[in-house]
């Protein structure tokens, strides 16, 4: 799956999970704002810096979605594989497990 399509699928998955993905330019704020998940008036939003590279957007959003329970919704196989890969990396970082088997 090509990067633009992958990013769109990630955004659709977020929507099915009740998360609105919005893109804003953080350049005008004059502060070092970061992309991330937040709750506003009881609704979840993922605020994405629209000036990020597409590969960074995919990485950021997939990292967030990998930490959520997606079993109750349909996930495109390519997206499911990416989320499983991200989740495995997150668990290894958290537990200090090495990626190499010795």
C-alpha atoms as a PDB file:
ATOM      1  CA  UNK A   1       0.000   0.000   0.000  1.00  0.00           C
ATOM      2  CA  UNK A   2       1.350   3.430  -0.922  1.00  0.00           C
ATOM      3  CA  UNK A   3       2.004   6.017   1.778  1.00  0.00           C
ATOM      4  CA  UNK A   4      -0.900   8.404   0.981  1.00  0.00           C
ATOM      5  CA  UNK A   5      -3.393   5.534   1.000  1.00  0.00           C
ATOM      6  CA  UNK A   6      -1.886   4.127   4.216  1.00  0.00           C
ATOM      7  CA  UNK A   7      -2.251   7.496   5.935  1.00  0.00           C
ATOM      8  CA  UNK A   8      -5.877   7.777   4.803  1.00  0.00           C
ATOM      9  CA  UNK A   9      -6.603   4.274   6.119  1.00  0.00           C
ATOM     10  CA  UNK A  10      -5.048   5.193   9.472  1.00  0.00           C
ATOM     11  CA  UNK A  11      -7.261   8.295   9.661  1.00  0.00           C
ATOM     12  CA  UNK A  12     -10.354   6.218   8.823  1.00  0.00           C
ATOM     13  CA  UNK A  13      -9.430   3.718  11.519  1.00  0.00           C
ATOM     14  CA  UNK A  14      -9.052   6.553  14.013  1.00  0.00           C
ATOM     15  CA  UNK A  15     -12.526   7.786  13.092  1.00  0.00           C
ATOM     16  CA  UNK A  16     -14.006   4.297  13.604  1.00  0.00           C
ATOM     17  CA  UNK A  17     -12.399   4.339  17.065  1.00  0.00           C
ATOM     18  CA  UNK A  18     -14.027   7.694  17.877  1.00  0.00           C
ATOM     19  CA  UNK A  19     -10.948   9.857  17.256  1.00  0.00           C
ATOM     20  CA  UNK A  20     -11.095  12.875  14.973  1.00  0.00           C
ATOM     21  CA  UNK A  21      -7.808  13.511  13.181  1.00  0.00           C
ATOM     22  CA  UNK A  22      -7.215  17.181  12.430  1.00  0.00           C
ATOM     23  CA  UNK A  23      -4.191  18.823  10.880  1.00  0.00           C
ATOM     24  CA  UNK A  24      -2.984  22.266  11.893  1.00  0.00           C
ATOM     25  CA  UNK A  25       0.123  24.270  11.156  1.00  0.00           C
ATOM     26  CA  UNK A  26       2.059  24.787  14.372  1.00  0.00           C
ATOM     27  CA  UNK A  27       4.500  27.232  12.744  1.00  0.00           C
ATOM     28  CA  UNK A  28       2.269  30.233  13.413  1.00  0.00           C
ATOM     29  CA  UNK A  29       1.984  29.474  17.134  1.00  0.00           C
ATOM     30  CA  UNK A  30       5.573  30.454  17.881  1.00  0.00           C
ATOM     31  CA  UNK A  31       5.847  27.573  20.353  1.00  0.00           C
ATOM     32  CA  UNK A  32       7.214  24.058  20.059  1.00  0.00           C
ATOM     33  CA  UNK A  33       3.889  22.269  19.753  1.00  0.00           C
ATOM     34  CA  UNK A  34       3.780  18.513  19.116  1.00  0.00           C
ATOM     35  CA  UNK A  35       1.302  16.233  17.424  1.00  0.00           C
ATOM     36  CA  UNK A  36      -0.705  14.013  19.735  1.00  0.00           C
ATOM     37  CA  UNK A  37      -3.923  12.656  21.160  1.00  0.00           C
ATOM     38  CA  UNK A  38      -6.039  14.858  23.410  1.00  0.00           C
ATOM     39  CA  UNK A  39      -9.573  15.012  24.741  1.00  0.00           C
ATOM     40  CA  UNK A  40     -11.581  18.197  24.169  1.00  0.00           C
ATOM     41  CA  UNK A  41     -15.099  18.569  25.568  1.00  0.00           C
ATOM     42  CA  UNK A  42     -15.383  14.819  26.000  1.00  0.00           C
ATOM     43  CA  UNK A  43     -14.304  13.946  22.449  1.00  0.00           C
ATOM     44  CA  UNK A  44     -10.949  12.487  21.381  1.00  0.00           C
ATOM     45  CA  UNK A  45      -8.865  14.352  18.792  1.00  0.00           C
ATOM     46  CA  UNK A  46      -5.500  13.592  17.274  1.00  0.00           C
ATOM     47  CA  UNK A  47      -3.898  16.925  16.434  1.00  0.00           C
ATOM     48  CA  UNK A  48      -1.363  16.462  13.636  1.00  0.00           C
ATOM     49  CA  UNK A  49       1.206  19.040  12.560  1.00  0.00           C
ATOM     50  CA  UNK A  50       0.357  19.400   8.885  1.00  0.00           C
ATOM     51  CA  UNK A  51       3.926  20.457   8.084  1.00  0.00           C
ATOM     52  CA  UNK A  52       5.304  17.016   8.992  1.00  0.00           C
ATOM     53  CA  UNK A  53       6.480  14.675   6.259  1.00  0.00           C
ATOM     54  CA  UNK A  54       3.938  12.057   5.256  1.00  0.00           C
ATOM     55  CA  UNK A  55       6.179   9.297   6.622  1.00  0.00           C
ATOM     56  CA  UNK A  56       6.289  11.084  10.003  1.00  0.00           C
ATOM     57  CA  UNK A  57       2.498  11.473  10.034  1.00  0.00           C
ATOM     58  CA  UNK A  58       2.117   7.746   9.396  1.00  0.00           C
ATOM     59  CA  UNK A  59       4.614   6.953  12.137  1.00  0.00           C
ATOM     60  CA  UNK A  60       2.971   9.245  14.696  1.00  0.00           C
ATOM     61  CA  UNK A  61      -0.610   8.190  14.029  1.00  0.00           C
ATOM     62  CA  UNK A  62       0.193   4.474  13.831  1.00  0.00           C
ATOM     63  CA  UNK A  63       2.126   4.696  17.115  1.00  0.00           C
ATOM     64  CA  UNK A  64      -0.970   6.166  18.767  1.00  0.00           C
ATOM     65  CA  UNK A  65      -3.403   3.674  17.237  1.00  0.00           C
ATOM     66  CA  UNK A  66      -1.160   0.707  18.092  1.00  0.00           C
ATOM     67  CA  UNK A  67      -1.745   1.417  21.771  1.00  0.00           C
ATOM     68  CA  UNK A  68      -5.539   1.157  21.384  1.00  0.00           C
ATOM     69  CA  UNK A  69      -7.849  -1.841  21.226  1.00  0.00           C
ATOM     70  CA  UNK A  70      -8.779  -2.321  17.566  1.00  0.00           C
ATOM     71  CA  UNK A  71     -10.269  -5.814  17.834  1.00  0.00           C
ATOM     72  CA  UNK A  72     -13.876  -4.621  17.582  1.00  0.00           C
ATOM     73  CA  UNK A  73     -13.410  -2.799  14.256  1.00  0.00           C
ATOM     74  CA  UNK A  74     -12.320  -3.878  10.794  1.00  0.00           C
ATOM     75  CA  UNK A  75      -8.702  -2.986  10.075  1.00  0.00           C
ATOM     76  CA  UNK A  76      -7.228  -3.254   6.585  1.00  0.00           C
ATOM     77  CA  UNK A  77      -4.545  -5.998   6.619  1.00  0.00           C
ATOM     78  CA  UNK A  78      -1.690  -3.605   5.732  1.00  0.00           C
ATOM     79  CA  UNK A  79      -2.706  -1.293   8.580  1.00  0.00           C
ATOM     80  CA  UNK A  80      -3.130  -4.204  11.007  1.00  0.00           C
ATOM     81  CA  UNK A  81       0.420  -5.377  10.171  1.00  0.00           C
ATOM     82  CA  UNK A  82       1.806  -1.869  10.754  1.00  0.00           C
ATOM     83  CA  UNK A  83      -0.005  -1.538  14.099  1.00  0.00           C
ATOM     84  CA  UNK A  84       1.236  -4.936  15.264  1.00  0.00           C
ATOM     85  CA  UNK A  85       4.784  -3.949  14.330  1.00  0.00           C
ATOM     86  CA  UNK A  86       4.443  -0.665  16.256  1.00  0.00           C
ATOM     87  CA  UNK A  87       2.894  -2.387  19.262  1.00  0.00           C
ATOM     88  CA  UNK A  88       5.744  -4.907  19.399  1.00  0.00           C
ATOM     89  CA  UNK A  89       8.314  -2.104  19.312  1.00  0.00           C
ATOM     90  CA  UNK A  90       6.439  -0.191  22.042  1.00  0.00           C
ATOM     91  CA  UNK A  91       6.364  -3.251  24.303  1.00  0.00           C
ATOM     92  CA  UNK A  92      10.070  -3.901  23.748  1.00  0.00           C
ATOM     93  CA  UNK A  93      10.966  -0.286  24.602  1.00  0.00           C
ATOM     94  CA  UNK A  94       8.755  -0.339  27.682  1.00  0.00           C
ATOM     95  CA  UNK A  95      10.098  -3.630  29.006  1.00  0.00           C
ATOM     96  CA  UNK A  96      13.685  -3.146  27.844  1.00  0.00           C
ATOM     97  CA  UNK A  97      13.614  -6.292  25.710  1.00  0.00           C
ATOM     98  CA  UNK A  98      16.159  -6.435  22.948  1.00  0.00           C
ATOM     99  CA  UNK A  99      15.091  -6.756  19.337  1.00  0.00           C
ATOM    100  CA  UNK A 100      17.827  -9.374  18.820  1.00  0.00           C
ATOM    101  CA  UNK A 101      17.565 -12.925  20.000  1.00  0.00           C
ATOM    102  CA  UNK A 102      20.821 -14.336  21.374  1.00  0.00           C
END
